[in-house]
C-alpha atoms as a PDB file:
ATOM      1  CA  MET A   1       5.075 -18.465  15.040  1.00  0.00           C
ATOM      2  CA  ALA A   2       7.718 -15.795  15.527  1.00  0.00           C
ATOM      3  CA  ASP A   3       7.069 -12.979  17.982  1.00  0.00           C
ATOM      4  CA  LEU A   4       6.709  -9.594  16.339  1.00  0.00           C
ATOM      5  CA  THR A   5       8.901  -6.676  17.296  1.00  0.00           C
ATOM      6  CA  SER A   6       7.283  -3.468  18.464  1.00  0.00           C
ATOM      7  CA  GLN A   7       8.173  -1.840  15.135  1.00  0.00           C
ATOM      8  CA  GLN A   8       6.541  -4.674  13.168  1.00  0.00           C
ATOM      9  CA  LYS A   9       3.416  -4.394  15.301  1.00  0.00           C
ATOM     10  CA  LYS A  10       3.333  -0.638  14.699  1.00  0.00           C
ATOM     11  CA  GLU A  11       3.691  -1.104  10.919  1.00  0.00           C
ATOM     12  CA  TRP A  12       0.984  -3.764  10.844  1.00  0.00           C
ATOM     13  CA  ALA A  13      -1.317  -1.592  12.961  1.00  0.00           C
ATOM     14  CA  GLY A  14      -0.655   1.346  10.640  1.00  0.00           C
ATOM     15  CA  MET A  15      -1.612  -0.706   7.590  1.00  0.00           C
ATOM     16  CA  LEU A  16      -4.799  -1.880   9.282  1.00  0.00           C
ATOM     17  CA  TYR A  17      -5.660   1.693  10.284  1.00  0.00           C
ATOM     18  CA  ILE A  18      -5.017   3.156   6.844  1.00  0.00           C
ATOM     19  CA  LYS A  19      -6.404   0.379   4.639  1.00  0.00           C
ATOM     20  CA  ASP A  20      -9.314  -1.030   6.661  1.00  0.00           C
ATOM     21  CA  SER A  21     -12.184   0.478   8.575  1.00  0.00           C
ATOM     22  CA  LEU A  22     -11.300  -1.025  11.941  1.00  0.00           C
ATOM     23  CA  THR A  23     -11.597   0.630  15.318  1.00  0.00           C
ATOM     24  CA  GLN A  24      -8.511   1.248  17.428  1.00  0.00           C
ATOM     25  CA  GLN A  25      -9.721  -1.508  19.754  1.00  0.00           C
ATOM     26  CA  GLU A  26     -10.032  -4.001  16.885  1.00  0.00           C
ATOM     27  CA  ILE A  27      -6.551  -3.110  15.665  1.00  0.00           C
ATOM     28  CA  ALA A  28      -5.142  -3.442  19.182  1.00  0.00           C
ATOM     29  CA  GLU A  29      -6.650  -6.926  19.532  1.00  0.00           C
ATOM     30  CA  LYS A  30      -5.310  -8.071  16.160  1.00  0.00           C
ATOM     31  CA  VAL A  31      -1.814  -6.718  16.748  1.00  0.00           C
ATOM     32  CA  GLY A  32      -1.591  -7.628  20.436  1.00  0.00           C
ATOM     33  CA  VAL A  33      -1.186  -4.208  22.050  1.00  0.00           C
ATOM     34  CA  SER A  34      -3.416  -1.909  24.079  1.00  0.00           C
ATOM     35  CA  ARG A  35      -5.894   0.494  22.501  1.00  0.00           C
ATOM     36  CA  GLN A  36      -3.947   3.349  24.091  1.00  0.00           C
ATOM     37  CA  THR A  37      -0.794   2.197  22.289  1.00  0.00           C
ATOM     38  CA  VAL A  38      -2.644   2.208  18.963  1.00  0.00           C
ATOM     39  CA  ALA A  39      -3.991   5.701  19.724  1.00  0.00           C
ATOM     40  CA  ARG A  40      -0.484   6.933  20.557  1.00  0.00           C
ATOM     41  CA  TRP A  41       0.979   5.410  17.394  1.00  0.00           C
ATOM     42  CA  ALA A  42      -1.818   6.915  15.283  1.00  0.00           C
ATOM     43  CA  LYS A  43      -1.079  10.366  16.684  1.00  0.00           C
ATOM     44  CA  GLU A  44       2.727  10.082  16.495  1.00  0.00           C
ATOM     45  CA  GLU A  45       2.762   8.634  12.966  1.00  0.00           C
ATOM     46  CA  LYS A  46      -0.092  10.864  11.702  1.00  0.00           C
ATOM     47  CA  TRP A  47      -2.031   7.877  10.367  1.00  0.00           C
ATOM     48  CA  GLU A  48      -5.142   9.948   9.722  1.00  0.00           C
ATOM     49  CA  GLU A  49      -3.202  12.189   7.325  1.00  0.00           C
ATOM     50  CA  HIS A  50      -1.777   9.116   5.586  1.00  0.00           C
ATOM     51  CA  LYS A  51      -5.246   7.610   5.312  1.00  0.00           C
ATOM     52  CA  VAL A  52      -6.515  10.732   3.571  1.00  0.00           C
ATOM     53  CA  GLY A  53      -3.480  10.733   1.275  1.00  0.00           C
ATOM     54  CA  VAL A  54      -3.991   7.152   0.120  1.00  0.00           C
ATOM     55  CA  THR A  55      -6.621   7.929  -2.474  1.00  0.00           C
ATOM     56  CA  LEU A  56      -4.996   6.824  -5.716  1.00  0.00           C
ATOM     57  CA  THR A  57      -5.137   3.211  -6.735  1.00  0.00           C
ATOM     58  CA  ARG A  58      -2.043   1.492  -8.078  1.00  0.00           C
ATOM     59  CA  GLU A  59      -3.562   1.647 -11.577  1.00  0.00           C
ATOM     60  CA  GLN A  60      -4.145   5.406 -11.264  1.00  0.00           C
ATOM     61  CA  GLN A  61      -0.569   5.937 -10.101  1.00  0.00           C
ATOM     62  CA  ILE A  62       0.768   3.941 -13.057  1.00  0.00           C
ATOM     63  CA  ALA A  63      -1.453   5.880 -15.480  1.00  0.00           C
ATOM     64  CA  ASN A  64      -0.164   9.181 -14.054  1.00  0.00           C
ATOM     65  CA  LEU A  65       3.442   8.060 -14.512  1.00  0.00           C
ATOM     66  CA  HIS A  66       2.693   7.006 -18.115  1.00  0.00           C
ATOM     67  CA  ARG A  67       1.173  10.443 -18.775  1.00  0.00           C
ATOM     68  CA  GLN A  68       4.344  12.094 -17.476  1.00  0.00           C
ATOM     69  CA  VAL A  69       6.499  10.016 -19.834  1.00  0.00           C
ATOM     70  CA  ALA A  70       4.142  10.886 -22.701  1.00  0.00           C
ATOM     71  CA  GLU A  71       4.470  14.611 -21.891  1.00  0.00           C
ATOM     72  CA  ILE A  72       8.262  14.425 -22.030  1.00  0.00           C
ATOM     73  CA  ASN A  73       8.080  12.498 -25.311  1.00  0.00           C
ATOM     74  CA  LYS A  74       5.696  15.122 -26.724  1.00  0.00           C
ATOM     75  CA  VAL A  75       8.194  17.886 -25.900  1.00  0.00           C
ATOM     76  CA  ILE A  76      10.993  15.902 -27.527  1.00  0.00           C
ATOM     77  CA  ALA A  77       8.881  15.199 -30.644  1.00  0.00           C
ATOM     78  CA  SER A  78       8.054  18.907 -31.051  1.00  0.00           C
ATOM     79  CA  ARG A  79      11.715  19.823 -31.562  1.00  0.00           C
ATOM     80  CA  GLU A  80      13.297  20.479 -34.943  1.00  0.00           C
ATOM     81  CA  ASP A  81      14.536  17.605 -37.082  1.00  0.00           C
ATOM     82  CA  GLY A  82      17.872  16.412 -35.794  1.00  0.00           C
ATOM     83  CA  GLN A  83      17.091  17.693 -32.270  1.00  0.00           C
ATOM     84  CA  ARG A  84      14.456  15.113 -31.328  1.00  0.00           C
ATOM     85  CA  TYR A  85      16.315  13.355 -28.565  1.00  0.00           C
ATOM     86  CA  ALA A  86      16.186  13.569 -24.798  1.00  0.00           C
ATOM     87  CA  ASN A  87      18.656  15.786 -23.006  1.00  0.00           C
ATOM     88  CA  ALA A  88      20.393  14.434 -19.901  1.00  0.00           C
ATOM     89  CA  ALA A  89      17.698  15.666 -17.495  1.00  0.00           C
ATOM     90  CA  GLU A  90      14.875  14.283 -19.651  1.00  0.00           C
ATOM     91  CA  ALA A  91      16.606  10.929 -20.075  1.00  0.00           C
ATOM     92  CA  ASP A  92      17.175  10.711 -16.322  1.00  0.00           C
ATOM     93  CA  THR A  93      13.527  11.549 -15.624  1.00  0.00           C
ATOM     94  CA  ILE A  94      12.314   8.987 -18.172  1.00  0.00           C
ATOM     95  CA  ASN A  95      14.539   6.323 -16.567  1.00  0.00           C
ATOM     96  CA  LYS A  96      13.232   7.145 -13.089  1.00  0.00           C
ATOM     97  CA  LEU A  97       9.608   7.167 -14.238  1.00  0.00           C
ATOM     98  CA  SER A  98      10.123   3.833 -16.042  1.00  0.00           C
ATOM     99  CA  ALA A  99      11.640   2.296 -12.910  1.00  0.00           C
ATOM    100  CA  ALA A 100       8.721   3.558 -10.815  1.00  0.00           C
ATOM    101  CA  ILE A 101       6.227   2.105 -13.308  1.00  0.00           C
ATOM    102  CA  LYS A 102       7.988  -1.261 -13.285  1.00  0.00           C
ATOM    103  CA  LYS A 103       8.084  -1.299  -9.486  1.00  0.00           C
ATOM    104  CA  LEU A 104       4.371  -0.497  -9.201  1.00  0.00           C
ATOM    105  CA  GLU A 105       3.507  -3.137 -11.801  1.00  0.00           C
ATOM    106  CA  THR A 106       5.543  -5.938 -10.245  1.00  0.00           C
ATOM    107  CA  ASP A 107       5.940  -5.397  -6.495  1.00  0.00           C
ATOM    108  CA  VAL A 108       3.480  -6.894  -4.066  1.00  0.00           C
ATOM    109  CA  GLY A 109       3.857  -5.607  -0.532  1.00  0.00           C
ATOM    110  CA  VAL A 110       2.458  -6.749   2.781  1.00  0.00           C
ATOM    111  CA  SER A 111      -0.261  -4.116   2.510  1.00  0.00           C
ATOM    112  CA  ASP A 112      -1.395  -5.651  -0.805  1.00  0.00           C
ATOM    113  CA  ILE A 113      -1.486  -9.111   0.762  1.00  0.00           C
ATOM    114  CA  ILE A 114      -3.492  -7.810   3.722  1.00  0.00           C
ATOM    115  CA  SER A 115      -5.878  -6.005   1.389  1.00  0.00           C
ATOM    116  CA  VAL A 116      -6.619  -9.173  -0.588  1.00  0.00           C
ATOM    117  CA  GLY A 117      -7.190 -11.155   2.613  1.00  0.00           C
ATOM    118  CA  MET A 118      -9.586  -8.565   3.988  1.00  0.00           C
ATOM    119  CA  LYS A 119     -11.523  -8.426   0.718  1.00  0.00           C
ATOM    120  CA  PHE A 120     -11.897 -12.197   0.842  1.00  0.00           C
ATOM    121  CA  VAL A 121     -13.087 -12.122   4.476  1.00  0.00           C
ATOM    122  CA  ASN A 122     -15.593  -9.384   3.648  1.00  0.00           C
ATOM    123  CA  TRP A 123     -16.857 -11.487   0.744  1.00  0.00           C
ATOM    124  CA  LEU A 124     -17.053 -14.688   2.816  1.00  0.00           C
ATOM    125  CA  ARG A 125     -18.672 -13.180   5.938  1.00  0.00           C
ATOM    126  CA  PRO A 126     -22.266 -12.953   4.585  1.00  0.00           C
ATOM    127  CA  TYR A 127     -22.155 -16.562   3.366  1.00  0.00           C
ATOM    128  CA  ASP A 128     -20.495 -18.266   6.319  1.00  0.00           C
ATOM    129  CA  LEU A 129     -19.708 -16.214   9.417  1.00  0.00           C
ATOM    130  CA  ASP A 130     -18.058 -19.090  11.307  1.00  0.00           C
ATOM    131  CA  ARG A 131     -15.715 -19.929   8.440  1.00  0.00           C
ATOM    132  CA  SER A 132     -14.852 -16.265   7.949  1.00  0.00           C
ATOM    133  CA  LYS A 133     -13.825 -16.054  11.628  1.00  0.00           C
ATOM    134  CA  GLU A 134     -11.761 -19.238  11.288  1.00  0.00           C
ATOM    135  CA  TYR A 135     -10.155 -17.952   8.094  1.00  0.00           C
ATOM    136  CA  LEU A 136      -9.403 -14.581   9.696  1.00  0.00           C
ATOM    137  CA  LYS A 137      -7.529 -16.242  12.572  1.00  0.00           C
ATOM    138  CA  LEU A 138      -5.438 -18.208  10.087  1.00  0.00           C
ATOM    139  CA  TRP A 139      -4.905 -15.110   7.946  1.00  0.00           C
ATOM    140  CA  ASP A 140      -3.697 -13.104  10.967  1.00  0.00           C
ATOM    141  CA  ALA A 141      -1.224 -15.887  11.793  1.00  0.00           C
ATOM    142  CA  PHE A 142      -0.022 -15.908   8.179  1.00  0.00           C
ATOM    143  CA  ILE A 143       0.541 -12.126   8.202  1.00  0.00           C
ATOM    144  CA  LYS A 144       2.450 -12.304  11.499  1.00  0.00           C
ATOM    145  CA  ASP A 145       4.704 -14.998  10.024  1.00  0.00           C
ATOM    146  CA  SER A 146       5.189 -12.954   6.858  1.00  0.00           C
ATOM    147  CA  LEU A 147       6.427  -9.823   8.628  1.00  0.00           C
END
């Protein structure tokens, strides 16, 4: 398994802090740093603010982007006959919104992978605690190799 750089450890710790309800000590143990390092990173990177800001699901974000496109199309449709086309700014905005929608619909990031793994562990834990611990060790190794 490849050794993680300090930056990779910080990013992984940040994802664990923001996405999961782990203590700083638990994060430190998973990432392989001290609790004080995690506390320093959390303060420097303002993880608590990010955690509060991560309230919209991917589906909600996509729906919001679709609503924005619909609003632009409604404005265009309300114009006189022969004028119902996007101006340069509207066309540019529609292109950017479409690209953002496509990216959200198709991209799977490390945070998504971690989220799925943690959901599985949380599901497995009540049924078989020993296997969930074994799986979690393997999952941590997988994530470290994936970074």
